[in-house]
């Protein structure tokens, strides 16, 4: 083999090593970028989910408060109705009790 052929082969091998090293460096860089983008996407999704959860929780709390207020108002109305009925029957009940005591 001639000296020129050996030199050409050596240069080609050196060039191939450089291309391989450059490709490995580019692959590492791309992998790091992909990992960074993936982590950013996960963080964004977590934040969005937390925000949505907070919003839903607030709406649920507001709805529960409204329901509790409505139930309290309904209970107050029922209590007033029952009190009025009891007061209306009070005279009759007292009369009945007095009558039974007197007749015994």
Protein backbone atom coordinates (compact mmCIF):
# COMPACT_ATOMS: atom_id res chain seq x y z
CA UNK A 1 0.00 0.00 0.00
CA UNK A 2 1.27 3.40 -0.83
CA UNK A 3 1.97 6.07 1.71
CA UNK A 4 -0.71 8.26 0.13
CA UNK A 5 -3.35 5.53 0.54
CA UNK A 6 -2.39 5.02 4.20
CA UNK A 7 -2.62 8.76 4.81
CA UNK A 8 -6.02 8.90 3.09
CA UNK A 9 -7.29 6.00 5.19
CA UNK A 10 -6.02 7.67 8.38
CA UNK A 11 -7.70 10.93 7.45
CA UNK A 12 -10.95 9.11 6.70
CA UNK A 13 -10.76 7.31 10.06
CA UNK A 14 -10.07 10.59 11.87
CA UNK A 15 -12.96 12.24 10.03
CA UNK A 16 -15.25 9.30 10.92
CA UNK A 17 -14.25 9.57 14.62
CA UNK A 18 -14.96 13.32 14.57
CA UNK A 19 -18.36 12.79 12.92
CA UNK A 20 -19.17 10.03 15.45
CA UNK A 21 -18.16 12.26 18.40
CA UNK A 22 -20.17 15.15 16.97
CA UNK A 23 -23.20 12.89 16.52
CA UNK A 24 -22.87 11.60 20.10
CA UNK A 25 -22.66 15.16 21.43
CA UNK A 26 -25.68 16.19 19.37
CA UNK A 27 -27.62 13.15 20.62
CA UNK A 28 -26.80 14.08 24.25
CA UNK A 29 -27.86 17.66 23.63
CA UNK A 30 -31.13 16.55 22.02
CA UNK A 31 -31.78 14.13 24.89
CA UNK A 32 -31.18 16.88 27.45
CA UNK A 33 -33.53 19.22 25.55
CA UNK A 34 -36.20 16.51 25.37
CA UNK A 35 -35.90 15.79 29.09
CA UNK A 36 -36.10 19.49 29.88
CA UNK A 37 -39.13 19.94 27.63
CA UNK A 38 -40.76 16.87 29.17
CA UNK A 39 -40.20 18.15 32.70
CA UNK A 40 -41.59 21.55 31.72
CA UNK A 41 -44.66 19.90 30.17
CA UNK A 42 -45.23 17.81 33.32
CA UNK A 43 -44.84 20.89 35.53
CA UNK A 44 -47.29 22.83 33.36
CA UNK A 45 -49.78 19.95 33.46
CA UNK A 46 -49.45 19.70 37.26
CA UNK A 47 -50.03 23.44 37.63
CA UNK A 48 -53.04 23.33 35.31
CA UNK A 49 -54.48 20.37 37.23
CA UNK A 50 -53.91 22.13 40.57
CA UNK A 51 -55.57 25.29 39.26
CA UNK A 52 -58.55 23.33 37.94
CA UNK A 53 -58.82 21.42 41.22
CA UNK A 54 -58.77 24.67 43.19
CA UNK A 55 -61.49 26.09 40.95
CA UNK A 56 -63.65 23.00 41.26
CA UNK A 57 -63.13 22.91 45.02
CA UNK A 58 -64.17 26.55 45.30
CA UNK A 59 -67.29 25.92 43.22
CA UNK A 60 -68.15 22.87 45.32
CA UNK A 61 -67.71 24.87 48.52
CA UNK A 62 -69.92 27.65 47.19
CA UNK A 63 -72.59 25.16 46.13
CA UNK A 64 -72.44 23.40 49.50
CA UNK A 65 -72.80 26.74 51.29
CA UNK A 66 -75.81 27.65 49.15
CA UNK A 67 -77.38 24.26 49.85
CA UNK A 68 -76.73 24.63 53.58
CA UNK A 69 -78.31 28.10 53.59
CA UNK A 70 -81.35 26.82 51.69
CA UNK A 71 -81.70 23.87 54.07
CA UNK A 72 -81.36 26.16 57.09
CA UNK A 73 -84.08 28.43 55.72
CA UNK A 74 -86.32 25.43 55.05
CA UNK A 75 -85.71 24.14 58.58
CA UNK A 76 -86.51 27.56 60.07
CA UNK A 77 -89.77 27.68 58.14
CA UNK A 78 -90.68 24.18 59.31
CA UNK A 79 -89.75 25.06 62.89
CA UNK A 80 -91.98 28.15 62.80
CA UNK A 81 -94.83 26.11 61.35
CA UNK A 82 -94.50 23.43 64.04
CA UNK A 83 -94.24 26.07 66.78
CA UNK A 84 -97.41 27.76 65.50
CA UNK A 85 -99.24 24.41 65.47
CA UNK A 86 -98.02 23.64 68.98
CA UNK A 87 -99.10 27.04 70.26
CA UNK A 88 -102.49 26.61 68.59
CA UNK A 89 -102.96 23.27 70.34
CA UNK A 90 -101.62 24.50 73.68
CA UNK A 91 -104.98 25.77 74.96
CA UNK A 92 -106.72 22.54 74.10
CA UNK A 93 -103.95 20.47 75.69
CA UNK A 94 -104.07 22.51 78.90
CA UNK A 95 -107.85 22.17 79.03
CA UNK A 96 -107.60 18.42 78.52
CA UNK A 97 -104.99 18.06 81.26
CA UNK A 98 -106.98 20.19 83.71
CA UNK A 99 -110.15 18.23 82.92
CA UNK A 100 -108.42 14.91 83.60
CA UNK A 101 -106.96 16.19 86.85
CA UNK A 102 -110.32 17.53 88.01
CA UNK A 103 -112.18 14.37 87.00
CA UNK A 104 -109.77 12.03 88.72
